[in-house]
Amino acid sequence: MSKEINLRERFDELDDQSSLRDIQEYIATMKEARGFSVNSVEREMLLMTEEIGELARAVRKDTGGRIDHKRPHETVNTADELADVLAYLLSVGSMMGVDVQSAYLAKEVRNFDRTWTK
């Protein structure tokens, strides 16, 4: 029970000003507290891939794409699916020892030296 209380306290420290690194650290803490830290990186990638599929379905629905009208009860929420994909991405980063925020910033610096064409 104390893990849940500490987890809630840790979550309450996050807000719109939190860094990606802060969120990545919270997700690692959350996985440990909820017993999700037993997944292998491969399993985590499979779960993330599943969430990417759910995001694709949500985007398709939100942009007027074709949907299965035989399943009207099925609801999708693009914001929720984006959050799920981000959580898995940050989780994989933690599992691989990658600070995703630093990795992104370093990659973008390298992108400035690339030639982009349309």
C-alpha atoms as a PDB file:
ATOM      1  CA  MET A   1       0.000   0.000   0.000  1.00  0.00           C
ATOM      2  CA  SER A   2       2.826   2.421   0.735  1.00  0.00           C
ATOM      3  CA  LYS A   3       4.047   1.952  -2.841  1.00  0.00           C
ATOM      4  CA  GLU A   4       0.708   3.220  -4.142  1.00  0.00           C
ATOM      5  CA  ILE A   5       0.804   6.217  -1.801  1.00  0.00           C
ATOM      6  CA  ASN A   6       4.359   7.022  -2.853  1.00  0.00           C
ATOM      7  CA  LEU A   7       3.415   6.500  -6.472  1.00  0.00           C
ATOM      8  CA  ARG A   8       0.514   8.924  -6.135  1.00  0.00           C
ATOM      9  CA  GLU A   9       2.800  11.456  -4.467  1.00  0.00           C
ATOM     10  CA  ARG A  10       5.312  11.015  -7.284  1.00  0.00           C
ATOM     11  CA  PHE A  11       2.574  11.422  -9.891  1.00  0.00           C
ATOM     12  CA  ASP A  12       1.260  14.560  -8.198  1.00  0.00           C
ATOM     13  CA  GLU A  13       4.717  16.119  -8.686  1.00  0.00           C
ATOM     14  CA  LEU A  14       4.188  16.001 -12.467  1.00  0.00           C
ATOM     15  CA  ASP A  15       2.525  18.860 -14.296  1.00  0.00           C
ATOM     16  CA  ASP A  16       2.573  20.642 -17.653  1.00  0.00           C
ATOM     17  CA  GLN A  17       6.075  21.933 -16.894  1.00  0.00           C
ATOM     18  CA  SER A  18       7.538  18.463 -16.246  1.00  0.00           C
ATOM     19  CA  SER A  19      10.291  17.359 -18.586  1.00  0.00           C
ATOM     20  CA  LEU A  20      10.191  14.235 -20.680  1.00  0.00           C
ATOM     21  CA  ARG A  21      12.920  12.935 -18.357  1.00  0.00           C
ATOM     22  CA  ASP A  22      10.635  13.505 -15.334  1.00  0.00           C
ATOM     23  CA  ILE A  23       7.865  11.529 -17.017  1.00  0.00           C
ATOM     24  CA  GLN A  24      10.267   8.753 -18.031  1.00  0.00           C
ATOM     25  CA  GLU A  25      11.429   8.446 -14.413  1.00  0.00           C
ATOM     26  CA  TYR A  26       7.829   8.377 -13.183  1.00  0.00           C
ATOM     27  CA  ILE A  27       6.926   5.594 -15.638  1.00  0.00           C
ATOM     28  CA  ALA A  28       9.855   3.478 -14.410  1.00  0.00           C
ATOM     29  CA  THR A  29       8.677   4.022 -10.817  1.00  0.00           C
ATOM     30  CA  MET A  30       5.066   3.252 -11.758  1.00  0.00           C
ATOM     31  CA  LYS A  31       6.019  -0.002 -13.486  1.00  0.00           C
ATOM     32  CA  GLU A  32       7.950  -1.144 -10.419  1.00  0.00           C
ATOM     33  CA  ALA A  33       5.166  -0.189  -8.012  1.00  0.00           C
ATOM     34  CA  ARG A  34       2.468  -1.928 -10.060  1.00  0.00           C
ATOM     35  CA  GLY A  35       4.497  -5.042 -10.758  1.00  0.00           C
ATOM     36  CA  PHE A  36       4.921  -4.336 -14.475  1.00  0.00           C
ATOM     37  CA  SER A  37       8.708  -4.306 -14.395  1.00  0.00           C
ATOM     38  CA  VAL A  38       8.919  -8.033 -15.164  1.00  0.00           C
ATOM     39  CA  ASN A  39       8.449  -7.596 -18.925  1.00  0.00           C
ATOM     40  CA  SER A  40      11.388  -8.138 -21.242  1.00  0.00           C
ATOM     41  CA  VAL A  41      12.299  -5.384 -23.681  1.00  0.00           C
ATOM     42  CA  GLU A  42      10.947  -7.577 -26.465  1.00  0.00           C
ATOM     43  CA  ARG A  43       7.585  -7.938 -24.694  1.00  0.00           C
ATOM     44  CA  GLU A  44       7.474  -4.194 -24.034  1.00  0.00           C
ATOM     45  CA  MET A  45       8.091  -3.551 -27.742  1.00  0.00           C
ATOM     46  CA  LEU A  46       5.230  -5.888 -28.679  1.00  0.00           C
ATOM     47  CA  LEU A  47       2.926  -4.049 -26.289  1.00  0.00           C
ATOM     48  CA  MET A  48       4.036  -0.701 -27.726  1.00  0.00           C
ATOM     49  CA  THR A  49       3.394  -1.977 -31.256  1.00  0.00           C
ATOM     50  CA  GLU A  50      -0.122  -2.975 -30.206  1.00  0.00           C
ATOM     51  CA  GLU A  51      -0.675   0.534 -28.834  1.00  0.00           C
ATOM     52  CA  ILE A  52       0.602   2.053 -32.092  1.00  0.00           C
ATOM     53  CA  GLY A  53      -2.074   0.031 -33.892  1.00  0.00           C
ATOM     54  CA  GLU A  54      -4.709   1.403 -31.528  1.00  0.00           C
ATOM     55  CA  LEU A  55      -3.404   4.919 -32.192  1.00  0.00           C
ATOM     56  CA  ALA A  56      -3.629   4.322 -35.941  1.00  0.00           C
ATOM     57  CA  ARG A  57      -7.254   3.229 -35.550  1.00  0.00           C
ATOM     58  CA  ALA A  58      -8.048   6.329 -33.466  1.00  0.00           C
ATOM     59  CA  VAL A  59      -6.444   8.666 -35.995  1.00  0.00           C
ATOM     60  CA  ARG A  60      -8.279   6.940 -38.831  1.00  0.00           C
ATOM     61  CA  LYS A  61     -11.577   7.396 -37.003  1.00  0.00           C
ATOM     62  CA  ASP A  62     -10.843  11.032 -36.096  1.00  0.00           C
ATOM     63  CA  THR A  63      -9.897  11.927 -39.665  1.00  0.00           C
ATOM     64  CA  GLY A  64     -12.961  10.415 -41.291  1.00  0.00           C
ATOM     65  CA  GLY A  65     -11.352   7.189 -42.398  1.00  0.00           C
ATOM     66  CA  ARG A  66     -13.343   4.049 -42.919  1.00  0.00           C
ATOM     67  CA  ILE A  67     -14.387   2.265 -39.756  1.00  0.00           C
ATOM     68  CA  ASP A  68     -16.119  -1.007 -38.978  1.00  0.00           C
ATOM     69  CA  HIS A  69     -19.758  -0.050 -38.420  1.00  0.00           C
ATOM     70  CA  LYS A  70     -20.450  -3.527 -37.045  1.00  0.00           C
ATOM     71  CA  ARG A  71     -18.528  -2.501 -33.905  1.00  0.00           C
ATOM     72  CA  PRO A  72     -20.201   0.807 -32.936  1.00  0.00           C
ATOM     73  CA  HIS A  73     -19.608   0.150 -29.233  1.00  0.00           C
ATOM     74  CA  GLU A  74     -15.861   0.313 -29.767  1.00  0.00           C
ATOM     75  CA  THR A  75     -14.566   3.695 -28.677  1.00  0.00           C
ATOM     76  CA  VAL A  76     -11.135   5.093 -29.358  1.00  0.00           C
ATOM     77  CA  ASN A  77      -9.553   8.237 -28.032  1.00  0.00           C
ATOM     78  CA  THR A  78      -6.567   9.645 -29.884  1.00  0.00           C
ATOM     79  CA  ALA A  79      -5.217  11.480 -26.823  1.00  0.00           C
ATOM     80  CA  ASP A  80      -5.364   8.303 -24.716  1.00  0.00           C
ATOM     81  CA  GLU A  81      -3.647   6.260 -27.409  1.00  0.00           C
ATOM     82  CA  LEU A  82      -0.902   8.867 -27.837  1.00  0.00           C
ATOM     83  CA  ALA A  83      -0.343   8.761 -24.074  1.00  0.00           C
ATOM     84  CA  ASP A  84      -0.139   4.950 -24.136  1.00  0.00           C
ATOM     85  CA  VAL A  85       2.426   4.972 -26.966  1.00  0.00           C
ATOM     86  CA  LEU A  86       4.497   7.612 -25.168  1.00  0.00           C
ATOM     87  CA  ALA A  87       4.436   5.593 -21.942  1.00  0.00           C
ATOM     88  CA  TYR A  88       5.690   2.474 -23.723  1.00  0.00           C
ATOM     89  CA  LEU A  89       8.315   4.440 -25.650  1.00  0.00           C
ATOM     90  CA  LEU A  90       9.667   5.946 -22.445  1.00  0.00           C
ATOM     91  CA  SER A  91       9.523   2.554 -20.760  1.00  0.00           C
ATOM     92  CA  VAL A  92      11.581   0.954 -23.526  1.00  0.00           C
ATOM     93  CA  GLY A  93      14.028   3.835 -23.214  1.00  0.00           C
ATOM     94  CA  SER A  94      14.428   3.176 -19.509  1.00  0.00           C
ATOM     95  CA  MET A  95      14.830  -0.546 -20.055  1.00  0.00           C
ATOM     96  CA  MET A  96      17.587   0.145 -22.601  1.00  0.00           C
ATOM     97  CA  GLY A  97      19.289   2.749 -20.405  1.00  0.00           C
ATOM     98  CA  VAL A  98      18.408   5.601 -22.763  1.00  0.00           C
ATOM     99  CA  ASP A  99      17.411   9.045 -21.513  1.00  0.00           C
ATOM    100  CA  VAL A 100      14.857   9.713 -24.254  1.00  0.00           C
ATOM    101  CA  GLN A 101      14.881  13.472 -23.758  1.00  0.00           C
ATOM    102  CA  SER A 102      18.670  13.689 -24.153  1.00  0.00           C
ATOM    103  CA  ALA A 103      18.589  11.259 -27.083  1.00  0.00           C
ATOM    104  CA  TYR A 104      15.985  13.345 -28.890  1.00  0.00           C
ATOM    105  CA  LEU A 105      17.875  16.591 -28.366  1.00  0.00           C
ATOM    106  CA  ALA A 106      21.157  15.050 -29.547  1.00  0.00           C
ATOM    107  CA  LYS A 107      19.466  13.568 -32.617  1.00  0.00           C
ATOM    108  CA  GLU A 108      17.850  16.892 -33.510  1.00  0.00           C
ATOM    109  CA  VAL A 109      21.255  18.636 -33.329  1.00  0.00           C
ATOM    110  CA  ARG A 110      22.534  16.096 -35.867  1.00  0.00           C
ATOM    111  CA  ASN A 111      19.430  16.697 -38.002  1.00  0.00           C
ATOM    112  CA  PHE A 112      20.437  20.359 -38.446  1.00  0.00           C
ATOM    113  CA  ASP A 113      23.430  19.157 -40.475  1.00  0.00           C
ATOM    114  CA  ARG A 114      21.279  17.073 -42.810  1.00  0.00           C
ATOM    115  CA  THR A 115      19.939  18.238 -46.147  1.00  0.00           C
ATOM    116  CA  TRP A 116      16.162  17.921 -46.289  1.00  0.00           C
ATOM    117  CA  THR A 117      14.266  17.715 -49.555  1.00  0.00           C
ATOM    118  CA  LYS A 118      10.583  17.818 -50.314  1.00  0.00           C
END
